C-alpha atoms as a PDB file:
ATOM      1  CA  UNK A   1     170.251 -13.338 156.540  1.00  0.00           C
ATOM      2  CA  UNK A   2     173.546 -11.856 156.466  1.00  0.00           C
ATOM      3  CA  UNK A   3     177.184 -13.621 155.877  1.00  0.00           C
ATOM      4  CA  UNK A   4     180.214 -12.077 157.786  1.00  0.00           C
ATOM      5  CA  UNK A   5     182.740 -13.115 155.577  1.00  0.00           C
ATOM      6  CA  UNK A   6     186.591 -12.739 155.873  1.00  0.00           C
ATOM      7  CA  UNK A   7     189.977 -14.131 154.113  1.00  0.00           C
ATOM      8  CA  UNK A   8     190.849 -17.549 154.739  1.00  0.00           C
ATOM      9  CA  UNK A   9     189.533 -21.186 153.492  1.00  0.00           C
ATOM     10  CA  UNK A  10     186.637 -21.508 155.899  1.00  0.00           C
ATOM     11  CA  UNK A  11     184.646 -18.333 154.701  1.00  0.00           C
ATOM     12  CA  UNK A  12     185.548 -19.513 151.214  1.00  0.00           C
ATOM     13  CA  UNK A  13     183.855 -23.076 151.568  1.00  0.00           C
ATOM     14  CA  UNK A  14     180.759 -21.236 152.484  1.00  0.00           C
ATOM     15  CA  UNK A  15     180.884 -18.672 149.650  1.00  0.00           C
ATOM     16  CA  UNK A  16     181.516 -21.618 147.222  1.00  0.00           C
ATOM     17  CA  UNK A  17     178.558 -23.630 148.567  1.00  0.00           C
ATOM     18  CA  UNK A  18     176.206 -20.722 148.470  1.00  0.00           C
ATOM     19  CA  UNK A  19     177.346 -20.283 144.702  1.00  0.00           C
ATOM     20  CA  UNK A  20     176.500 -23.865 143.710  1.00  0.00           C
ATOM     21  CA  UNK A  21     173.206 -23.391 145.349  1.00  0.00           C
ATOM     22  CA  UNK A  22     172.297 -20.084 143.666  1.00  0.00           C
ATOM     23  CA  UNK A  23     171.987 -18.471 147.180  1.00  0.00           C
ATOM     24  CA  UNK A  24     172.647 -14.601 147.454  1.00  0.00           C
ATOM     25  CA  UNK A  25     172.532 -12.594 150.610  1.00  0.00           C
ATOM     26  CA  UNK A  26     174.189  -9.354 151.755  1.00  0.00           C
ATOM     27  CA  UNK A  27     177.916  -9.980 153.079  1.00  0.00           C
ATOM     28  CA  UNK A  28     180.019  -8.012 155.651  1.00  0.00           C
ATOM     29  CA  UNK A  29     183.643  -8.314 155.528  1.00  0.00           C
ATOM     30  CA  UNK A  30     185.474  -8.538 158.751  1.00  0.00           C
ATOM     31  CA  UNK A  31     189.071  -7.930 159.019  1.00  0.00           C
ATOM     32  CA  UNK A  32     190.771 -11.026 159.919  1.00  0.00           C
ATOM     33  CA  UNK A  33     194.305  -9.786 160.045  1.00  0.00           C
ATOM     34  CA  UNK A  34     193.619  -6.900 161.787  1.00  0.00           C
ATOM     35  CA  UNK A  35     191.895  -8.705 164.481  1.00  0.00           C
ATOM     36  CA  UNK A  36     188.226  -7.495 164.114  1.00  0.00           C
ATOM     37  CA  UNK A  37     187.104 -10.963 164.904  1.00  0.00           C
ATOM     38  CA  UNK A  38     188.652 -11.016 168.203  1.00  0.00           C
ATOM     39  CA  UNK A  39     187.047  -7.720 169.121  1.00  0.00           C
ATOM     40  CA  UNK A  40     183.603  -7.345 171.133  1.00  0.00           C
ATOM     41  CA  UNK A  41     181.191  -6.809 168.465  1.00  0.00           C
ATOM     42  CA  UNK A  42     182.012  -9.892 166.618  1.00  0.00           C
ATOM     43  CA  UNK A  43     182.713 -11.785 169.755  1.00  0.00           C
ATOM     44  CA  UNK A  44     178.747 -11.304 170.225  1.00  0.00           C
ATOM     45  CA  UNK A  45     178.036 -12.936 166.942  1.00  0.00           C
ATOM     46  CA  UNK A  46     180.560 -15.803 167.472  1.00  0.00           C
ATOM     47  CA  UNK A  47     182.282 -16.074 171.252  1.00  0.00           C
ATOM     48  CA  UNK A  48     184.879 -18.367 169.695  1.00  0.00           C
ATOM     49  CA  UNK A  49     186.153 -15.445 167.699  1.00  0.00           C
ATOM     50  CA  UNK A  50     186.385 -17.438 164.246  1.00  0.00           C
ATOM     51  CA  UNK A  51     185.052 -16.817 160.821  1.00  0.00           C
ATOM     52  CA  UNK A  52     182.795 -17.300 159.122  1.00  0.00           C
ATOM     53  CA  UNK A  53     179.314 -16.299 160.955  1.00  0.00           C
ATOM     54  CA  UNK A  54     175.906 -16.279 159.606  1.00  0.00           C
ATOM     55  CA  UNK A  55     173.253 -14.154 161.141  1.00  0.00           C
ATOM     56  CA  UNK A  56     169.741 -15.462 160.451  1.00  0.00           C
ATOM     57  CA  UNK A  57     166.542 -13.799 159.938  1.00  0.00           C
ATOM     58  CA  UNK A  58     165.477 -13.879 163.399  1.00  0.00           C
ATOM     59  CA  UNK A  59     168.722 -12.224 164.541  1.00  0.00           C
ATOM     60  CA  UNK A  60     170.470 -15.237 166.084  1.00  0.00           C
ATOM     61  CA  UNK A  61     174.109 -16.447 164.704  1.00  0.00           C
ATOM     62  CA  UNK A  62     175.125 -19.536 163.343  1.00  0.00           C
ATOM     63  CA  UNK A  63     179.030 -20.440 163.036  1.00  0.00           C
ATOM     64  CA  UNK A  64     180.715 -23.795 162.047  1.00  0.00           C
ATOM     65  CA  UNK A  65     180.920 -24.077 158.318  1.00  0.00           C
ATOM     66  CA  UNK A  66     179.488 -27.608 158.240  1.00  0.00           C
ATOM     67  CA  UNK A  67     176.386 -26.288 160.480  1.00  0.00           C
ATOM     68  CA  UNK A  68     176.063 -23.152 158.266  1.00  0.00           C
ATOM     69  CA  UNK A  69     176.099 -25.133 155.127  1.00  0.00           C
ATOM     70  CA  UNK A  70     173.561 -27.928 156.593  1.00  0.00           C
ATOM     71  CA  UNK A  71     171.306 -25.010 157.643  1.00  0.00           C
ATOM     72  CA  UNK A  72     171.374 -23.454 154.110  1.00  0.00           C
ATOM     73  CA  UNK A  73     170.995 -27.026 152.664  1.00  0.00           C
ATOM     74  CA  UNK A  74     167.319 -27.293 154.733  1.00  0.00           C
ATOM     75  CA  UNK A  75     166.363 -23.990 154.009  1.00  0.00           C
ATOM     76  CA  UNK A  76     166.942 -24.289 149.988  1.00  0.00           C
ATOM     77  CA  UNK A  77     167.112 -27.952 149.305  1.00  0.00           C
ATOM     78  CA  UNK A  78     168.130 -27.849 145.717  1.00  0.00           C
ATOM     79  CA  UNK A  79     170.304 -28.524 144.026  1.00  0.00           C
ATOM     80  CA  UNK A  80     171.518 -30.702 146.559  1.00  0.00           C
ATOM     81  CA  UNK A  81     175.070 -30.364 147.777  1.00  0.00           C
ATOM     82  CA  UNK A  82     174.571 -32.804 150.669  1.00  0.00           C
ATOM     83  CA  UNK A  83     172.185 -34.975 149.328  1.00  0.00           C
ATOM     84  CA  UNK A  84     168.340 -35.710 148.747  1.00  0.00           C
ATOM     85  CA  UNK A  85     168.264 -38.970 150.573  1.00  0.00           C
ATOM     86  CA  UNK A  86     169.264 -40.358 153.898  1.00  0.00           C
ATOM     87  CA  UNK A  87     171.821 -42.567 152.294  1.00  0.00           C
ATOM     88  CA  UNK A  88     173.150 -39.845 150.401  1.00  0.00           C
ATOM     89  CA  UNK A  89     173.336 -37.353 153.405  1.00  0.00           C
ATOM     90  CA  UNK A  90     174.982 -39.820 155.369  1.00  0.00           C
ATOM     91  CA  UNK A  91     177.822 -40.380 152.798  1.00  0.00           C
ATOM     92  CA  UNK A  92     178.360 -36.730 152.519  1.00  0.00           C
ATOM     93  CA  UNK A  93     178.705 -36.313 156.167  1.00  0.00           C
ATOM     94  CA  UNK A  94     181.053 -39.113 156.418  1.00  0.00           C
ATOM     95  CA  UNK A  95     183.667 -37.577 154.060  1.00  0.00           C
ATOM     96  CA  UNK A  96     183.279 -34.260 155.484  1.00  0.00           C
ATOM     97  CA  UNK A  97     183.991 -35.448 158.727  1.00  0.00           C
ATOM     98  CA  UNK A  98     186.952 -37.685 157.765  1.00  0.00           C
ATOM     99  CA  UNK A  99     188.229 -34.505 155.537  1.00  0.00           C
ATOM    100  CA  UNK A 100     188.060 -32.228 158.388  1.00  0.00           C
ATOM    101  CA  UNK A 101     189.401 -34.333 161.303  1.00  0.00           C
ATOM    102  CA  UNK A 102     192.026 -35.987 159.202  1.00  0.00           C
ATOM    103  CA  UNK A 103     193.453 -33.367 156.843  1.00  0.00           C
ATOM    104  CA  UNK A 104     191.876 -30.009 157.378  1.00  0.00           C
ATOM    105  CA  UNK A 105     192.649 -29.702 161.051  1.00  0.00           C
ATOM    106  CA  UNK A 106     196.004 -30.895 161.018  1.00  0.00           C
ATOM    107  CA  UNK A 107     197.150 -28.887 157.961  1.00  0.00           C
ATOM    108  CA  UNK A 108     195.515 -25.578 159.743  1.00  0.00           C
ATOM    109  CA  UNK A 109     197.425 -26.249 162.888  1.00  0.00           C
ATOM    110  CA  UNK A 110     200.632 -27.150 161.435  1.00  0.00           C
ATOM    111  CA  UNK A 111     200.196 -23.873 159.617  1.00  0.00           C
ATOM    112  CA  UNK A 112     198.959 -21.888 162.796  1.00  0.00           C
ATOM    113  CA  UNK A 113     201.880 -23.516 164.887  1.00  0.00           C
ATOM    114  CA  UNK A 114     204.634 -23.241 162.154  1.00  0.00           C
ATOM    115  CA  UNK A 115     205.060 -20.476 159.525  1.00  0.00           C
ATOM    116  CA  UNK A 116     202.174 -18.442 160.992  1.00  0.00           C
ATOM    117  CA  UNK A 117     203.400 -18.709 164.691  1.00  0.00           C
ATOM    118  CA  UNK A 118     203.930 -15.173 164.763  1.00  0.00           C
ATOM    119  CA  UNK A 119     200.520 -14.272 163.902  1.00  0.00           C
ATOM    120  CA  UNK A 120     198.672 -16.973 166.018  1.00  0.00           C
ATOM    121  CA  UNK A 121     200.611 -17.013 169.250  1.00  0.00           C
ATOM    122  CA  UNK A 122     198.970 -14.057 170.773  1.00  0.00           C
ATOM    123  CA  UNK A 123     195.486 -14.979 169.760  1.00  0.00           C
ATOM    124  CA  UNK A 124     195.167 -18.797 170.351  1.00  0.00           C
ATOM    125  CA  UNK A 125     197.019 -21.545 172.312  1.00  0.00           C
ATOM    126  CA  UNK A 126     199.908 -22.869 170.238  1.00  0.00           C
ATOM    127  CA  UNK A 127     202.334 -25.754 170.239  1.00  0.00           C
ATOM    128  CA  UNK A 128     205.232 -24.973 167.731  1.00  0.00           C
ATOM    129  CA  UNK A 129     206.773 -28.278 168.601  1.00  0.00           C
ATOM    130  CA  UNK A 130     203.626 -30.186 167.067  1.00  0.00           C
ATOM    131  CA  UNK A 131     203.835 -28.261 163.777  1.00  0.00           C
ATOM    132  CA  UNK A 132     206.213 -30.790 161.678  1.00  0.00           C
ATOM    133  CA  UNK A 133     204.176 -33.895 162.982  1.00  0.00           C
ATOM    134  CA  UNK A 134     200.949 -32.081 162.079  1.00  0.00           C
ATOM    135  CA  UNK A 135     201.875 -31.269 158.770  1.00  0.00           C
ATOM    136  CA  UNK A 136     203.034 -35.129 158.375  1.00  0.00           C
ATOM    137  CA  UNK A 137     199.628 -36.318 159.496  1.00  0.00           C
ATOM    138  CA  UNK A 138     197.951 -34.158 156.975  1.00  0.00           C
ATOM    139  CA  UNK A 139     200.171 -35.399 154.040  1.00  0.00           C
ATOM    140  CA  UNK A 140     199.818 -39.072 155.334  1.00  0.00           C
ATOM    141  CA  UNK A 141     195.911 -38.799 155.494  1.00  0.00           C
ATOM    142  CA  UNK A 142     195.889 -37.227 151.691  1.00  0.00           C
ATOM    143  CA  UNK A 143     198.114 -40.236 150.504  1.00  0.00           C
ATOM    144  CA  UNK A 144     195.440 -42.404 151.896  1.00  0.00           C
ATOM    145  CA  UNK A 145     192.704 -40.362 150.568  1.00  0.00           C
ATOM    146  CA  UNK A 146     194.332 -40.513 147.120  1.00  0.00           C
ATOM    147  CA  UNK A 147     193.900 -44.377 147.152  1.00  0.00           C
ATOM    148  CA  UNK A 148     190.426 -44.227 147.985  1.00  0.00           C
ATOM    149  CA  UNK A 149     189.590 -42.046 145.172  1.00  0.00           C
ATOM    150  CA  UNK A 150     190.787 -44.468 142.509  1.00  0.00           C
ATOM    151  CA  UNK A 151     187.812 -44.738 140.026  1.00  0.00           C
ATOM    152  CA  UNK A 152     185.938 -41.803 141.408  1.00  0.00           C
ATOM    153  CA  UNK A 153     184.999 -38.239 140.109  1.00  0.00           C
ATOM    154  CA  UNK A 154     184.553 -36.969 143.359  1.00  0.00           C
ATOM    155  CA  UNK A 155     184.373 -38.270 147.137  1.00  0.00           C
ATOM    156  CA  UNK A 156     180.783 -39.004 146.768  1.00  0.00           C
ATOM    157  CA  UNK A 157     181.085 -40.738 143.361  1.00  0.00           C
ATOM    158  CA  UNK A 158     179.501 -38.993 140.783  1.00  0.00           C
ATOM    159  CA  UNK A 159     178.181 -36.177 143.141  1.00  0.00           C
ATOM    160  CA  UNK A 160     180.002 -32.816 143.863  1.00  0.00           C
ATOM    161  CA  UNK A 161     179.317 -32.098 147.415  1.00  0.00           C
ATOM    162  CA  UNK A 162     180.118 -30.201 150.416  1.00  0.00           C
ATOM    163  CA  UNK A 163     182.788 -32.500 151.203  1.00  0.00           C
ATOM    164  CA  UNK A 164     184.605 -31.798 147.939  1.00  0.00           C
ATOM    165  CA  UNK A 165     184.444 -28.008 148.481  1.00  0.00           C
ATOM    166  CA  UNK A 166     185.856 -28.339 152.113  1.00  0.00           C
ATOM    167  CA  UNK A 167     188.875 -30.373 150.551  1.00  0.00           C
ATOM    168  CA  UNK A 168     189.508 -28.292 147.786  1.00  0.00           C
ATOM    169  CA  UNK A 169     189.521 -25.195 149.809  1.00  0.00           C
ATOM    170  CA  UNK A 170     192.119 -26.610 152.204  1.00  0.00           C
ATOM    171  CA  UNK A 171     194.231 -28.483 149.676  1.00  0.00           C
ATOM    172  CA  UNK A 172     194.375 -25.084 147.682  1.00  0.00           C
ATOM    173  CA  UNK A 173     195.172 -22.941 150.903  1.00  0.00           C
ATOM    174  CA  UNK A 174     197.984 -25.792 151.680  1.00  0.00           C
ATOM    175  CA  UNK A 175     199.621 -25.139 148.651  1.00  0.00           C
ATOM    176  CA  UNK A 176     199.691 -21.101 149.651  1.00  0.00           C
ATOM    177  CA  UNK A 177     201.380 -21.746 152.996  1.00  0.00           C
ATOM    178  CA  UNK A 178     204.084 -24.384 152.260  1.00  0.00           C
ATOM    179  CA  UNK A 179     201.946 -27.790 152.266  1.00  0.00           C
ATOM    180  CA  UNK A 180     201.590 -28.343 148.565  1.00  0.00           C
ATOM    181  CA  UNK A 181     199.615 -31.346 147.338  1.00  0.00           C
ATOM    182  CA  UNK A 182     202.053 -34.083 146.581  1.00  0.00           C
ATOM    183  CA  UNK A 183     202.193 -34.697 142.761  1.00  0.00           C
ATOM    184  CA  UNK A 184     202.723 -38.529 143.426  1.00  0.00           C
ATOM    185  CA  UNK A 185     198.740 -38.489 144.767  1.00  0.00           C
ATOM    186  CA  UNK A 186     197.801 -38.532 141.019  1.00  0.00           C
ATOM    187  CA  UNK A 187     194.040 -39.219 141.694  1.00  0.00           C
ATOM    188  CA  UNK A 188     193.909 -36.077 143.977  1.00  0.00           C
ATOM    189  CA  UNK A 189     195.779 -34.032 141.586  1.00  0.00           C
ATOM    190  CA  UNK A 190     193.111 -34.947 138.827  1.00  0.00           C
ATOM    191  CA  UNK A 191     190.316 -34.597 141.024  1.00  0.00           C
ATOM    192  CA  UNK A 192     191.668 -30.924 142.026  1.00  0.00           C
ATOM    193  CA  UNK A 193     192.007 -29.985 138.528  1.00  0.00           C
ATOM    194  CA  UNK A 194     188.519 -31.145 138.029  1.00  0.00           C
ATOM    195  CA  UNK A 195     187.157 -29.019 140.884  1.00  0.00           C
ATOM    196  CA  UNK A 196     189.113 -25.853 139.861  1.00  0.00           C
ATOM    197  CA  UNK A 197     187.211 -25.749 136.488  1.00  0.00           C
ATOM    198  CA  UNK A 198     183.835 -25.104 138.365  1.00  0.00           C
ATOM    199  CA  UNK A 199     183.057 -21.327 137.968  1.00  0.00           C
ATOM    200  CA  UNK A 200     181.875 -21.449 141.570  1.00  0.00           C
ATOM    201  CA  UNK A 201     185.188 -21.749 143.111  1.00  0.00           C
ATOM    202  CA  UNK A 202     185.980 -18.071 142.176  1.00  0.00           C
ATOM    203  CA  UNK A 203     183.128 -16.994 144.648  1.00  0.00           C
END
């Protein structure tokens, strides 16, 4: 297998996931800022032109971070980063979906349609007028999630999972692009500090 890597939170999620599982493979960096991901060679790997992408042993390609991570979990089940039972896997998938739809997507598009508009307007459809509302939605859902984290170490209780990696990378990114985590969200602030201590977050 081969991992097509780049800057940005999404490739980082897969790198941390692999580091947690002790998976190593060749990596090739794609110049995202230079637009290499929108050129023919990468579009053959991922017609959506996004990052990251995983090349499988049979020469086919897999993209979308949750699909890549689920594939890697099936190929190497231990240590489990999604779950070892149907119940654990369902719980992780539930939280991953909630985080992705309600926090990561509005945060990302709030950034793309706002401070990063000049970079993205020639690459994807943009809606500048939507940026403030999207940022508000992400902040609101983080406030909701803060309440859900009361008494929990991680999103799935005592288990550190893909859902935590996803949330951590996007909250960290938000802090770099003008959407910092509200310090009033004390449960999430404590959770973020807990995750930041893991050596794998440097992957």
